[in-house]
Protein backbone atom coordinates (compact mmCIF):
# COMPACT_ATOMS: atom_id res chain seq x y z
CA MET A 1 -13.41 13.08 29.25
CA LYS A 2 -16.82 14.52 28.38
CA PRO A 3 -19.42 12.48 26.45
CA MET A 4 -19.30 12.68 22.67
CA GLU A 5 -22.71 14.47 22.68
CA GLN A 6 -21.02 17.57 24.17
CA LEU A 7 -18.59 17.86 21.23
CA ASP A 8 -19.36 19.89 18.14
CA GLN A 9 -19.18 18.25 14.70
CA GLU A 10 -15.60 19.35 14.02
CA GLU A 11 -14.40 18.20 17.43
CA LYS A 12 -16.02 14.80 16.87
CA LYS A 13 -14.40 14.57 13.42
CA ILE A 14 -10.94 15.25 14.73
CA LEU A 15 -11.35 13.00 17.74
CA GLN A 16 -12.41 10.09 15.51
CA LEU A 17 -9.29 10.61 13.36
CA LEU A 18 -6.90 10.33 16.31
CA PRO A 19 -5.40 6.89 16.97
CA LYS A 20 -5.38 5.38 20.40
CA GLY A 21 -1.85 5.08 21.63
CA ILE A 22 1.53 6.45 20.53
CA ALA A 23 2.44 3.66 18.08
CA GLN A 24 1.08 5.40 14.96
CA PRO A 25 0.41 9.07 15.73
CA LYS A 26 -1.50 11.07 13.12
CA PRO A 27 0.50 13.96 11.66
CA LEU A 28 -1.08 17.44 11.55
CA LYS A 29 -0.87 17.48 7.72
CA GLU A 30 -2.86 14.23 7.58
CA LEU A 31 -5.50 15.51 9.95
CA VAL A 32 -5.85 18.62 7.77
CA LYS A 33 -6.22 16.51 4.63
CA LEU A 34 -8.69 14.02 6.12
CA SER A 35 -10.82 16.66 7.89
CA GLY A 36 -10.93 19.30 5.19
CA LEU A 37 -10.07 21.92 7.78
CA LYS A 38 -7.17 24.39 7.92
CA GLU A 39 -4.05 23.71 9.99
CA ARG A 40 -4.94 26.51 12.42
CA GLU A 41 -8.45 25.10 12.87
CA VAL A 42 -7.19 21.60 13.59
CA ARG A 43 -4.73 22.96 16.16
CA GLY A 44 -7.58 24.97 17.77
CA ILE A 45 -9.81 21.94 17.90
CA ILE A 46 -7.07 19.82 19.50
CA TYR A 47 -6.57 22.62 22.06
CA ARG A 48 -10.30 22.63 22.84
CA LEU A 49 -10.50 18.88 23.06
CA ILE A 50 -7.70 18.91 25.66
CA VAL A 51 -8.51 22.05 27.64
CA LEU A 52 -12.33 22.22 27.48
CA HIS A 53 -13.25 18.53 27.08
CA HIS A 54 -10.37 16.99 28.97
CA VAL A 55 -9.42 14.51 26.26
CA PRO A 56 -5.90 13.23 26.95
CA ILE A 57 -4.22 13.97 23.57
CA GLY A 58 -0.47 13.73 23.29
CA ALA A 59 1.89 14.92 20.56
CA GLN A 60 4.91 13.03 19.33
CA TYR A 61 7.57 15.48 17.99
CA ASN A 62 10.08 13.04 16.56
CA ARG A 63 9.35 10.41 13.94
CA PRO A 64 6.84 9.09 13.71
CA ASN A 65 5.36 12.43 14.63
CA GLY A 66 1.73 13.42 15.17
CA TYR A 67 -1.14 13.42 17.63
CA TYR A 68 -2.61 10.48 19.50
CA ILE A 69 -4.95 9.68 22.41
CA ILE A 70 -2.92 8.87 25.50
CA THR A 71 -3.76 5.38 26.77
CA ASN A 72 -1.31 4.73 29.64
CA ASN A 73 1.11 6.45 32.04
CA ASP A 74 4.16 5.89 29.82
CA GLU A 75 2.46 7.77 27.01
CA ARG A 76 1.34 10.44 29.48
CA GLN A 77 4.98 10.98 30.60
CA GLN A 78 6.19 11.11 26.99
CA ALA A 79 3.56 13.72 26.17
CA LEU A 80 4.37 15.78 29.29
CA ALA A 81 8.16 15.82 28.89
CA PRO A 82 8.41 18.36 26.00
CA LEU A 83 5.61 20.51 27.53
CA THR A 84 7.38 20.77 30.86
CA SER A 85 10.69 21.51 29.15
CA GLN A 86 9.06 24.22 27.06
CA ILE A 87 7.48 25.76 30.19
CA THR A 88 10.84 25.84 31.90
CA MET A 89 12.51 27.48 28.91
CA MET A 90 9.76 30.09 28.53
CA SER A 91 9.76 30.86 32.21
CA LYS A 92 13.53 31.44 32.10
CA ARG A 93 13.14 33.77 29.09
CA ALA A 94 10.36 35.69 30.80
CA GLU A 95 12.46 36.07 33.94
CA ILE A 96 15.49 37.36 31.99
CA ILE A 97 13.41 39.78 29.89
CA SER A 98 11.65 41.17 32.98
CA SER A 99 14.97 41.80 34.80
CA ALA A 100 17.07 42.93 31.78
CA GLU A 101 18.47 46.38 31.91
CA LEU A 102 16.99 48.52 29.14
CA GLU A 103 18.98 50.99 27.08
CA SER A 104 16.71 53.83 28.05
CA GLU A 105 17.43 53.19 31.76
CA GLU A 106 21.21 53.49 31.43
């Protein structure tokens, strides 16, 4: 994780709103309300925090749902499970689409 000085103001704001641990994740709607940013902006900032700044942020998709800072390996595994499942499903779709016979080729 990069030092806070390397984050812009919006990144700092969102990072400070995220709880540590999965117990009480912060829903996207709440992050939008508290930050004054748009949903798309908050998602973009979370993406940047993870990809550019290497902040370990997880997302909980069932209740209680929301974002949180990963604090241990159990939380890491819970955050990775839906991502790896989604990758597998998307890869399968891409494989089928790329090999599907097209009407114009019949």
